[in-house]
Protein backbone atom coordinates (compact mmCIF):
# COMPACT_ATOMS: atom_id res chain seq x y z
CA MET A 1 102.11 105.45 110.48
CA THR A 2 101.74 102.72 112.51
CA ARG A 3 104.92 102.02 114.41
CA GLU A 4 106.01 99.25 116.98
CA ARG A 5 105.97 100.07 120.54
CA GLY A 6 108.68 98.19 121.75
CA PHE A 7 110.81 101.36 122.74
CA LEU A 8 108.10 103.07 124.26
CA PHE A 9 107.12 100.48 126.31
CA ARG A 10 110.77 100.20 127.16
CA PHE A 11 110.89 104.08 127.60
CA ALA A 12 108.10 104.06 130.30
CA PHE A 13 109.73 101.30 132.23
CA LEU A 14 112.72 103.99 132.78
CA CYS A 15 110.74 106.66 133.64
CA SER A 16 109.19 104.37 136.43
CA SER A 17 112.16 105.03 138.86
CA ALA A 18 111.62 108.66 138.77
CA LEU A 19 107.41 108.06 139.11
CA LEU A 20 107.45 105.60 142.22
CA SER A 21 109.81 108.60 143.88
CA ALA A 22 107.48 111.42 143.29
CA SER A 23 105.36 112.67 146.36
CA SER A 24 102.07 111.72 147.06
CA LEU A 25 99.10 113.98 147.08
CA HIS A 26 95.67 113.34 148.60
CA GLY A 27 92.32 114.19 147.43
CA CYS A 28 88.94 112.55 146.31
CA GLY A 29 88.24 109.44 143.90
CA ALA A 30 90.25 108.65 141.21
CA ASN A 31 88.57 108.03 137.62
CA SER A 32 86.73 109.84 135.07
CA ILE A 33 84.47 112.32 135.94
CA LEU A 34 81.10 110.59 135.77
CA GLY A 35 79.05 112.32 132.75
CA SER A 36 82.24 113.21 131.16
CA GLU A 37 82.67 112.28 127.43
CA ASP A 38 86.55 113.35 128.32
CA PRO A 39 88.68 110.45 129.47
CA ALA A 40 91.15 113.19 129.94
CA ALA A 41 88.74 114.86 132.71
CA VAL A 42 89.95 113.00 136.39
CA THR A 43 89.86 113.43 139.58
CA MET A 44 92.19 112.89 142.45
CA PRO A 45 92.60 109.71 144.32
CA PRO A 46 91.93 109.40 147.66
CA PRO A 47 95.14 108.74 150.53
CA SER A 48 96.84 105.85 151.11
CA LEU A 49 97.57 104.15 154.52
CA THR A 50 99.42 102.06 152.85
CA PRO A 51 103.48 102.41 152.94
CA GLU A 52 105.86 102.17 150.37
CA ILE A 53 108.05 99.66 151.77
CA TYR A 54 110.38 98.01 149.27
CA ARG A 55 110.61 101.10 146.64
CA PRO A 56 114.24 100.88 146.37
CA GLN A 57 114.09 97.18 145.13
CA VAL A 58 111.32 97.92 142.53
CA ASN A 59 113.46 100.78 141.10
CA GLU A 60 116.33 98.45 141.09
CA ALA A 61 114.08 95.82 139.48
CA ILE A 62 112.75 98.33 136.54
CA GLY A 63 116.06 99.54 136.48
CA ALA A 64 117.16 95.90 135.00
CA SER A 65 114.01 95.45 132.96
CA VAL A 66 115.59 98.85 131.02
CA SER A 67 118.63 97.28 130.39
CA GLY A 68 117.41 94.22 128.82
CA ASP A 69 118.02 92.10 132.11
CA ALA A 70 114.52 90.69 132.30
CA ASP A 71 115.33 87.38 134.31
CA LYS A 72 117.22 89.93 137.12
CA ALA A 73 113.93 92.09 137.35
CA ARG A 74 111.82 88.73 137.70
CA ARG A 75 114.08 87.50 140.75
CA ILE A 76 113.30 91.13 142.13
CA TYR A 77 110.08 91.10 141.65
CA ASN A 78 109.30 87.53 142.89
CA ASP A 79 111.31 88.31 146.18
CA ILE A 80 109.17 91.37 146.86
CA ILE A 81 106.04 89.13 146.22
CA ALA A 82 107.46 86.22 148.43
CA ARG A 83 108.04 88.48 151.45
CA ASP A 84 104.94 90.21 151.48
CA PRO A 85 102.33 88.72 148.83
CA ASN A 86 99.11 90.54 149.83
CA SER A 87 100.87 93.95 149.59
CA ALA A 88 100.13 96.67 147.03
CA GLU A 89 103.55 96.26 145.81
CA ALA A 90 103.54 92.90 145.49
CA GLU A 91 100.28 93.03 143.10
CA PHE A 92 102.45 95.79 141.03
CA CYS A 93 105.15 93.29 140.64
CA ARG A 94 102.92 90.74 139.28
CA ALA A 95 101.45 93.43 137.17
CA GLU A 96 105.16 94.12 135.89
CA MET A 97 106.20 90.95 135.14
CA CYS A 98 102.76 90.29 133.19
CA LEU A 99 103.96 93.78 131.23
CA LEU A 100 107.19 91.94 130.47
CA GLU A 101 105.63 88.88 128.89
CA ARG A 102 103.02 91.16 127.09
CA ARG A 103 100.44 89.52 129.24
CA ASN A 104 98.26 93.01 129.11
CA LYS A 105 94.78 91.97 130.63
CA GLU A 106 96.56 90.15 133.21
CA ALA A 107 98.37 93.22 134.33
CA ILE A 108 95.58 95.51 134.24
CA ASP A 109 93.99 93.28 136.22
CA PHE A 110 96.97 93.12 138.71
CA PHE A 111 97.56 97.19 138.80
CA SER A 112 93.77 97.39 139.81
CA LYS A 113 94.66 95.12 142.41
CA ALA A 114 97.71 97.57 143.54
CA LEU A 115 95.52 100.40 143.15
CA SER A 116 92.37 99.24 145.20
CA LYS A 117 95.51 98.62 148.22
CA ASN A 118 97.34 101.74 147.53
CA PRO A 119 95.22 104.25 145.59
CA GLN A 120 98.40 106.82 145.50
CA LEU A 121 100.85 104.45 143.36
CA GLU A 122 101.53 107.10 140.73
CA VAL A 123 103.29 104.39 138.68
CA ALA A 124 100.45 101.46 138.69
CA TYR A 125 98.34 104.13 136.78
CA HIS A 126 100.89 104.91 134.14
CA ASP A 127 101.90 101.67 133.30
CA ARG A 128 98.12 99.99 133.23
CA GLY A 129 97.76 102.65 130.99
CA ASN A 130 100.88 101.30 129.02
CA ALA A 131 98.76 98.16 128.90
CA TYR A 132 95.73 99.43 128.01
CA SER A 133 97.44 101.17 124.83
CA ASN A 134 98.86 98.08 124.11
CA LEU A 135 95.18 96.82 124.02
CA GLY A 136 94.10 99.53 121.63
CA LEU A 137 92.30 100.76 125.03
CA TYR A 138 93.09 104.46 123.85
CA ASP A 139 90.52 106.34 126.13
CA LYS A 140 91.25 104.42 129.32
CA ALA A 141 94.71 104.87 128.67
CA ILE A 142 94.38 108.50 128.56
CA THR A 143 92.17 108.25 132.03
CA ASP A 144 95.06 106.74 133.53
CA TYR A 145 97.86 108.84 132.46
CA SER A 146 95.27 111.77 133.70
CA VAL A 147 95.48 110.35 137.39
CA ALA A 148 99.05 109.78 137.20
CA MET A 149 99.81 113.57 136.10
CA LEU A 150 97.92 114.35 139.36
CA LEU A 151 100.02 112.33 141.30
CA GLY A 152 103.43 113.64 139.96
CA PRO A 153 104.94 115.68 137.70
CA GLY A 154 106.77 113.16 135.34
CA PRO A 155 106.95 114.18 132.11
CA VAL A 156 106.69 110.88 130.95
CA HIS A 157 102.92 110.81 131.78
CA TRP A 158 102.37 113.53 129.13
CA LEU A 159 104.61 111.78 126.85
CA CYS A 160 102.52 108.61 126.92
CA ARG A 161 99.06 110.58 126.77
CA ALA A 162 100.61 112.32 123.67
CA ARG A 163 101.65 109.01 122.14
CA ALA A 164 97.37 107.77 122.82
CA TYR A 165 96.25 110.45 120.85
CA VAL A 166 98.37 110.11 118.25
CA ASN A 167 96.71 106.61 117.91
CA LYS A 168 93.21 108.49 118.30
CA GLU A 169 93.87 110.51 115.68
CA GLU A 170 93.61 113.45 117.97
CA TRP A 171 96.55 115.54 116.58
CA GLU A 172 96.32 118.90 118.09
CA LYS A 173 96.10 117.82 121.56
CA ALA A 174 98.91 114.87 121.06
CA ILE A 175 100.95 118.32 119.92
CA LYS A 176 99.67 120.10 123.23
CA ASP A 177 100.57 116.85 125.23
CA ALA A 178 104.28 116.98 123.70
CA ASN A 179 104.86 120.61 124.37
CA VAL A 180 104.50 120.41 127.83
CA ALA A 181 106.35 117.45 128.02
CA ILE A 182 108.96 119.04 126.26
CA SER A 183 108.69 122.14 128.81
CA LYS A 184 109.51 119.74 131.42
CA ASP A 185 112.34 117.64 129.74
CA PRO A 186 113.53 119.34 126.65
CA ALA A 187 116.32 116.61 126.53
CA MET A 188 113.40 113.85 126.16
CA ALA A 189 114.17 112.39 122.57
CA SER A 190 111.13 110.30 122.06
CA VAL A 191 108.59 112.89 122.94
CA TYR A 192 110.01 114.74 119.95
CA VAL A 193 108.58 111.78 117.57
CA GLU A 194 105.42 111.61 118.96
CA ARG A 195 105.21 115.31 118.05
CA ALA A 196 106.61 114.57 114.79
CA GLU A 197 103.76 112.21 113.87
CA ALA A 198 101.19 114.63 114.83
CA LEU A 199 102.91 117.56 113.16
CA ALA A 200 103.20 114.99 109.96
CA ALA A 201 99.34 114.16 109.80
CA LEU A 202 98.56 117.85 109.66
CA HIS A 203 100.82 118.55 106.72
CA ARG A 204 103.35 120.57 108.60
CA GLU A 205 106.40 118.62 106.94
CA SER A 206 109.06 121.20 107.95
CA GLU A 207 108.25 120.91 111.65
CA ALA A 208 107.50 117.16 111.66
CA LEU A 209 111.55 116.82 110.23
CA ALA A 210 112.67 119.22 112.26
CA ASP A 211 111.61 117.14 115.49
CA TYR A 212 112.83 114.05 114.18
CA SER A 213 116.33 115.37 113.30
CA LYS A 214 115.70 116.47 117.00
CA ALA A 215 114.96 113.27 118.53
CA ILE A 216 118.45 111.65 116.96
CA SER A 217 120.33 114.48 118.53
CA LEU A 218 119.19 114.07 121.56
CA ALA A 219 119.04 110.24 121.45
CA ASP A 220 121.33 107.59 123.01
CA ASN A 221 120.07 104.59 121.16
CA LYS A 222 120.29 106.87 117.71
CA ALA A 223 119.76 104.16 115.64
CA VAL A 224 115.96 103.97 116.92
CA TYR A 225 115.61 107.67 115.65
CA TYR A 226 117.09 106.98 112.42
CA CYS A 227 114.48 104.00 111.72
CA TYR A 228 111.92 106.43 112.98
CA ARG A 229 112.46 109.15 110.53
CA GLY A 230 113.54 106.72 107.90
CA ARG A 231 109.44 105.23 108.14
CA HIS A 232 108.29 108.77 108.11
CA PHE A 233 110.08 109.48 104.93
CA LEU A 234 108.44 105.96 103.66
CA ASP A 235 105.30 107.72 104.32
CA VAL A 236 106.06 111.40 102.43
CA TYR A 237 107.16 108.87 99.25
CA GLN A 238 111.18 109.74 99.79
CA PRO A 239 112.44 106.14 99.83
CA ASP A 240 115.99 107.15 98.92
CA LYS A 241 116.16 108.99 102.12
CA ALA A 242 114.12 106.45 103.97
CA ALA A 243 117.33 104.31 102.78
CA LEU A 244 119.88 106.36 104.29
CA ASP A 245 118.22 106.52 107.40
CA PHE A 246 117.55 102.75 107.85
CA ALA A 247 121.23 101.88 106.53
CA GLU A 248 122.82 104.41 109.41
CA ALA A 249 120.32 102.79 111.83
CA ILE A 250 121.99 99.44 110.81
CA LYS A 251 125.13 101.13 111.00
CA GLN A 252 124.64 102.54 114.46
CA ASN A 253 123.31 99.01 115.54
CA ASP A 254 126.15 97.31 114.59
CA GLY A 255 123.99 95.14 112.11
CA LYS A 256 122.75 93.19 114.92
CA ASP A 257 118.69 93.95 114.65
CA GLY A 258 116.85 92.56 111.70
CA HIS A 259 114.10 95.22 111.76
CA TYR A 260 116.13 97.52 110.43
CA TYR A 261 117.02 95.56 107.56
CA TYR A 262 113.39 94.96 107.20
CA TRP A 263 112.32 98.42 106.82
CA LEU A 264 115.53 98.90 104.51
CA GLY A 265 114.51 96.36 102.04
CA ARG A 266 110.91 98.30 101.94
CA ALA A 267 112.60 100.90 101.47
CA ARG A 268 114.99 99.14 98.60
CA LEU A 269 111.63 97.76 97.21
CA ASP A 270 109.90 101.50 96.58
CA MET A 271 112.91 102.54 94.81
CA GLU A 272 112.77 99.32 92.59
CA ASP A 273 116.22 98.16 93.41
CA PHE A 274 114.67 94.80 93.82
CA ASP A 275 117.95 93.07 94.34
CA ARG A 276 119.02 95.10 97.09
CA ALA A 277 115.62 94.90 98.79
CA ALA A 278 116.05 91.11 98.52
CA GLU A 279 119.33 90.90 100.40
CA ALA A 280 118.52 93.29 103.16
CA LEU A 281 115.03 91.27 103.73
CA SER A 282 117.09 87.88 103.61
CA ARG A 283 119.19 89.65 106.34
CA SER A 284 116.30 90.33 108.40
CA ILE A 285 115.17 86.95 108.11
CA GLU A 286 118.54 85.50 109.40
CA LEU A 287 118.73 87.41 111.96
CA ALA A 288 115.11 87.31 113.11
CA LYS A 289 115.41 83.42 113.03
CA GLN A 290 118.77 83.42 115.14
CA LYS A 291 116.61 85.43 117.95
CA GLN A 292 113.55 82.99 117.73
CA ASP A 293 111.49 86.01 116.44
CA PHE A 294 109.72 83.98 113.78
CA ASN A 295 106.60 86.54 113.56
CA SER A 296 109.39 89.32 112.50
CA ALA A 297 110.47 86.60 110.36
CA LYS A 298 107.11 85.70 108.70
CA SER A 299 106.90 89.19 108.00
CA SER A 300 109.98 89.75 106.27
CA GLU A 301 109.44 86.70 104.19
CA LYS A 302 106.19 88.18 102.87
CA TRP A 303 107.88 91.00 101.88
CA LEU A 304 110.69 89.31 100.22
CA LYS A 305 108.14 87.05 98.48
CA ILE A 306 106.59 90.45 97.30
CA VAL A 307 109.81 91.69 95.84
CA GLN A 308 109.93 88.99 93.96
CA GLU A 309 106.91 89.17 92.33
CA ARG A 310 107.39 93.24 91.80
CA LYS A 311 110.66 92.27 90.14
CA TYR A 312 109.15 89.82 87.56
CA ASP A 313 106.16 92.09 86.81
CA PHE A 314 108.63 95.09 86.24
CA GLU A 315 111.15 93.05 84.21
CA HIS A 316 108.15 91.65 82.03
CA ALA A 317 106.43 95.36 81.36
CA PRO A 318 106.02 95.70 77.43
CA LYS A 319 108.87 97.91 75.84
CA GLU A 320 106.48 100.66 74.16
CA LYS A 321 105.52 102.95 76.42
CA LYS A 322 101.78 103.34 75.14
CA TYR A 323 101.27 99.67 76.42
CA GLN A 324 102.72 100.42 79.33
CA TRP A 325 100.46 103.45 79.63
CA ALA A 326 97.53 101.51 79.22
CA ILE A 327 98.18 99.04 81.79
CA ALA A 328 98.78 101.97 84.29
CA CYS A 329 95.03 102.90 84.01
CA SER A 330 94.33 99.55 85.68
CA ALA A 331 96.93 101.01 88.75
CA ILE A 332 94.72 101.67 91.49
CA LEU A 333 92.62 98.39 91.25
CA PHE A 334 95.78 96.46 90.91
CA SER A 335 97.30 98.23 94.03
CA GLN A 336 94.62 97.90 95.86
CA ASN A 337 94.58 94.20 94.97
CA ARG A 338 98.79 94.14 95.82
CA ARG A 339 99.36 93.45 92.40
CA GLY A 340 102.04 94.65 90.06
CA LEU A 341 101.54 97.80 87.63
CA TYR A 342 103.60 97.24 84.58
CA SER A 343 103.20 94.00 83.29
CA LEU A 344 99.54 92.43 81.93
CA ARG A 345 99.96 89.68 84.59
CA GLY A 346 101.25 91.74 87.58
CA GLY A 347 103.33 89.21 88.83
CA ILE A 348 105.07 85.55 88.28
CA PRO A 349 103.05 82.98 86.72
CA SER A 350 101.08 80.72 89.26
CA LEU A 351 98.37 78.19 88.48
CA GLU A 352 96.95 78.69 92.22
CA HIS A 353 96.63 82.53 91.18
CA SER A 354 94.89 82.09 87.87
CA GLU A 355 92.43 79.80 89.44
CA ASP A 356 92.02 82.33 92.24
CA GLU A 357 91.47 85.22 89.35
CA LYS A 358 88.55 82.90 87.66
CA SER A 359 86.94 82.22 90.96
CA ARG A 360 86.52 86.17 90.98
CA LEU A 361 85.49 86.67 87.80
CA VAL A 362 82.72 84.06 87.74
CA SER A 363 81.79 85.67 91.45
CA TRP A 364 82.15 89.02 90.83
CA TRP A 365 81.49 89.67 86.76
CA GLY A 366 79.45 86.19 85.69
CA ILE A 367 82.38 85.63 83.37
CA HIS A 368 83.36 81.80 83.06
CA SER A 369 84.67 82.07 79.21
CA ARG A 370 86.51 83.66 76.72
CA GLN A 371 83.47 84.86 75.04
CA ASP A 372 81.68 85.91 78.64
CA LEU A 373 84.57 88.27 78.91
CA LEU A 374 84.48 89.87 75.17
CA ASP A 375 80.72 90.25 75.86
CA THR A 376 81.21 91.55 79.35
CA LEU A 377 83.69 94.14 77.85
CA LYS A 378 81.27 95.07 75.18
CA SER A 379 78.50 95.80 77.72
CA GLN A 380 80.56 97.76 79.52
CA GLU A 381 81.35 100.15 76.51
CA THR A 382 77.92 100.86 75.95
CA GLY A 383 76.22 100.42 79.45
CA GLY A 384 78.21 99.85 82.56
CA HIS A 385 77.38 102.16 85.62
CA ASN A 386 77.41 105.08 82.96
CA ARG A 387 74.15 104.27 81.96
CA SER A 388 72.62 104.37 85.72
CA TRP A 389 74.59 107.75 86.17
CA PHE A 390 73.10 109.41 82.94
CA ARG A 391 69.82 108.20 83.80
CA ILE A 392 69.88 109.84 87.21
CA ARG A 393 71.07 113.26 85.71
CA GLU A 394 68.49 113.41 83.46
CA LYS A 395 65.65 113.03 85.70
CA LEU A 396 67.48 115.23 88.13
CA ALA A 397 67.47 117.70 84.88
CA ASN A 398 63.84 117.15 84.27
CA LYS A 399 62.99 117.82 88.22
CA GLN A 400 61.94 114.49 88.68
CA GLY A 401 64.09 114.00 91.88
CA ASN A 402 61.54 113.10 94.66
CA GLN A 403 60.81 109.83 92.55
CA LEU A 404 64.47 108.79 92.13
CA VAL A 405 64.65 107.27 95.27
CA LEU A 406 61.92 104.70 95.01
CA SER A 407 62.86 104.23 91.44
CA GLU A 408 66.37 103.37 91.66
CA THR A 409 65.23 101.36 94.67
CA LEU A 410 63.42 99.28 92.83
CA ARG A 411 66.27 98.31 90.52
CA ASP A 412 67.66 95.99 93.12
CA LEU A 413 69.25 98.82 95.48
CA ASP A 414 68.49 99.86 98.87
CA ALA A 415 67.20 103.22 99.73
CA GLU A 416 70.80 104.13 101.18
CA GLN A 417 72.32 103.19 98.07
CA ALA A 418 70.02 104.91 96.05
CA ARG A 419 70.28 108.34 97.98
CA ASN A 420 73.85 107.52 97.63
CA ARG A 421 73.78 107.27 93.85
CA ILE A 422 71.57 110.28 93.59
CA GLU A 423 73.85 112.24 95.70
CA LEU A 424 76.97 111.71 93.73
CA VAL A 425 75.05 113.02 90.95
CA GLU A 426 74.27 115.78 92.30
CA ILE A 427 77.24 116.61 93.49
CA TYR A 428 79.90 115.61 90.16
CA GLY A 429 77.20 115.17 87.47
CA LYS A 430 78.12 118.70 86.01
CA ARG A 431 81.91 118.45 86.65
CA PHE A 432 82.10 114.90 85.08
CA GLY A 433 79.72 116.60 82.03
CA ASP A 434 79.60 114.00 79.31
CA ARG A 435 81.97 111.99 80.54
CA GLY A 436 80.18 110.85 83.49
CA LEU A 437 81.86 107.67 84.94
CA MET A 438 83.85 106.93 82.35
CA ALA A 439 87.17 106.58 84.42
CA TRP A 440 85.69 103.94 86.63
CA ASP A 441 83.91 101.90 83.40
CA LEU A 442 86.65 101.96 81.22
CA CYS A 443 89.83 101.51 83.64
CA ARG A 444 87.61 98.34 85.09
CA CYS A 445 87.68 97.45 81.17
CA ILE A 446 91.59 97.10 81.32
CA CYS A 447 91.55 95.32 84.57
CA LEU A 448 89.46 92.91 83.29
CA ILE A 449 91.45 92.64 80.07
CA ARG A 450 94.46 91.74 82.43
CA TRP A 451 92.74 89.43 84.39
CA GLY A 452 91.78 87.66 81.10
CA TYR A 453 95.48 87.28 79.79
CA ASP A 454 96.11 85.92 83.62
CA VAL A 455 93.56 83.07 83.55
CA GLY A 456 94.24 82.27 79.52
CA PHE A 457 90.99 83.73 77.93
CA LEU A 458 93.26 86.17 75.85
CA THR A 459 96.55 86.33 74.70
CA GLU A 460 98.97 89.11 74.90
CA ASP A 461 98.59 90.96 71.35
CA GLU A 462 94.72 90.70 72.16
CA CYS A 463 94.90 92.33 75.01
CA TYR A 464 96.59 95.23 73.48
CA THR A 465 94.75 95.24 70.94
CA LEU A 466 91.47 95.46 73.11
CA MET A 467 92.90 97.61 75.52
CA MET A 468 94.60 100.56 73.82
CA PRO A 469 90.55 102.08 72.28
CA TYR A 470 90.09 102.06 76.03
CA ALA A 471 93.78 104.43 77.05
CA ARG A 472 92.80 106.56 73.85
CA LYS A 473 89.33 107.51 75.07
CA LEU A 474 90.94 108.09 78.44
CA GLN A 475 93.57 110.29 77.51
CA ALA A 476 91.14 112.35 75.18
CA ASN A 477 88.55 112.79 77.92
CA TYR A 478 90.77 113.77 81.25
CA THR A 479 93.76 115.83 81.77
CA SER A 480 95.77 113.91 84.43
CA TRP A 481 96.60 110.91 86.22
CA GLN A 482 95.23 112.76 89.44
CA GLN A 483 92.00 113.52 87.83
CA LEU A 484 91.16 110.26 86.14
CA GLY A 485 92.22 108.72 89.75
CA GLU A 486 89.88 110.85 91.59
CA GLU A 487 86.80 110.52 89.40
CA TYR A 488 87.51 106.69 89.30
CA LEU A 489 86.72 106.63 92.47
CA VAL A 490 83.92 108.45 92.62
CA GLY A 491 82.55 105.66 90.43
CA ARG A 492 83.61 102.98 92.99
CA ASN A 493 81.55 105.24 95.58
CA PHE A 494 78.48 105.18 92.92
CA TRP A 495 79.08 101.30 92.47
CA SER A 496 78.91 100.41 96.44
CA LYS A 497 79.32 102.87 98.91
CA SER A 498 79.54 100.20 101.51
CA GLU A 499 82.57 98.77 99.26
CA TYR A 500 83.89 102.37 98.97
CA GLU A 501 83.90 102.82 102.73
CA ASN A 502 85.21 99.84 103.80
CA GLY A 503 87.92 99.95 101.49
CA ARG A 504 88.92 103.79 101.43
CA LYS A 505 91.92 103.98 103.17
CA ARG A 506 93.54 101.37 101.05
CA THR A 507 92.30 102.92 97.82
CA ASP A 508 92.93 106.57 99.04
CA GLU A 509 96.50 105.31 99.84
CA ALA A 510 97.40 103.81 96.57
CA LEU A 511 95.72 107.09 94.52
CA ALA A 512 98.50 109.27 96.86
CA ARG A 513 101.51 106.56 96.10
CA LEU A 514 100.66 106.43 92.48
CA LEU A 515 100.52 110.54 92.35
CA HIS A 516 103.80 110.76 94.51
CA LEU A 517 106.07 107.87 94.51
CA PRO A 518 109.06 108.77 92.20
CA THR A 519 108.74 104.96 90.95
CA SER A 520 105.34 105.09 90.43
CA PRO A 521 104.06 104.91 86.66
CA TRP A 522 101.68 107.47 86.76
CA VAL A 523 104.95 109.79 87.53
CA LYS A 524 107.01 108.47 85.22
CA LEU A 525 104.56 108.35 82.02
CA PRO A 526 103.52 111.54 81.21
CA TRP A 527 99.71 112.05 80.75
CA LYS A 528 100.38 113.02 77.18
CA THR A 529 102.65 110.04 76.11
CA ASN A 530 101.98 109.27 72.60
CA LEU A 531 99.50 106.23 72.22
CA GLU A 532 99.23 105.79 68.57
C-alpha cells in the first residue's frame, strides 16, 4: 500500500526535539562504508568543534511545526538565521523551512551544509533522511538514519528506517527495525503501522491487524490510524470494514478532513454503494477546495467520475446471468483498462471514448470495419496464439528444440521473445494439454465483441449471439475463474513478454480483485452458471 507521508513527516518534527537533546558521540568519518552494498553500513562522524547555541529556539520552532503553526516556526528559524547566518544551526533552519514547503532537494543541500559545519548534528542526518525518503531515494535515507542511530538512541530513527525498508519492500528488515523502535518506546503508535504494513505484505494478516488496532489504541490522533487500518481493509478486499473505519475517522476528526471522505468514497465504490460513494467524494471535493488543496480535489473528482461510470455499467448489465457470465470472461483486460465489468460497453456512452476505441482496434488489430471484426473473430477461433503454441509444442515433442529459437525468430520475433515462448510451452504445455492458450484467445474474442459494440459495429443481440459459444467453450474446458484467469495471463506472457512484465503489477492486482472482492462478478457468478 502506498500511503500519504504527511503524518510521518510531522511525526519526525515531533521527535526532533528529543534528537536535538541527545548527547554527542565522537569517532571517524560519517557515510556508508566504502565498498559496502548495504546502505545501513555506516561509520561514526567526526567530532564537532561547533557548539549548538540555539538549541532551545530550534526546539521551540519544531514544536510550533508539530502544532501546525508553520508561521511561528518560520519566524523563529528566520530569527536564528539573522543572528548567526553562517552557523550550522542557521543552515539547519534553512533546511527545515524548505521541508515545511516540501522543497526536498533544497532541504538536502542545506542539511549537507549544516553537517559540513557540525558533523555531529544528529537531527540533520535524520531530517535529511526524511527529505531523501520524500524523493524516493531510500538507500540514501537509510544511510542517514543509520548515522543518526550512532549519534543518539531516539526510536524515531528506527521508525523512519523501517518506513524506508517498507518502501523498498524489504519486509523482514522493516519488521526488525520496527521491533527495535517498539522496544525503545512501546507507546509510539506510528511504528506499529509500519510493522503492520510489512506483516501484511508477508501475508501475516492476524499479526498485521493486531498492530493496526494497537496503533489506534495508543494514538491521540485516532482518525489517522483508523484511516490506516481502513486502507488495509481495502487492500485485503474487505470494503465493508474499511468503510466503518473511514466513517470513524471522519467522526474522530469532526468531519473536517476531506481525505477521510475520499477513502470512504473509495470503500463504498468497492461495495457498489454508488450513491453514497458519490456523496462522500463530493464532500471530499468541497473540503479540499475550501483548503485550496486542488490536487486532492482533482483526485476526488477523478474518482467521482469513476463512480458515475461504474454505476451506469452496473445498471445496464444484461438481466440474464448467462450473458453476465460471458461478459465476465473479459474482466481482466477490462479491469486493466479501467472499464466496467457488467455491461457490454463498460461505462457511460461517449463519442470520445468510442473514437479512442476505434483507433485502438485499428492500431492493435488492424480492424477498420464490421467485416474486419467478424473476420478477426473467425481467425481467432481457428488460429490465434494457440497456433504458435501447438507448433512449438509439436517441435519440442519431436526433439527439435535446438532449431526452435532460429525458426521462431524468423517469424518476426526477436530471439528473446522466441526463447520466452519456448520456455512457456516447456513449463505449461503438458498441464494445459489440448486447451493450449484457449483462455487467452477466447477471452480476447469476447473483449473484441464488447469493443465492437462500443464503436457501433455490432448490435446488442449480435454481441450475445457471437460471445455465447466462446463462453460455453471456456466453461467446458476450465474448472474455475481462477484457472481461467491464471491461464489467460500465461497467454499474455506468450503474446508479449515485455507487455506482460511492464503491466504485471496491474494485471496481478486485477486478478486478485476479481477473485477476492465480494462484489466482483467472478465472486458473485458461480463457475457452473447455466449458459444454455
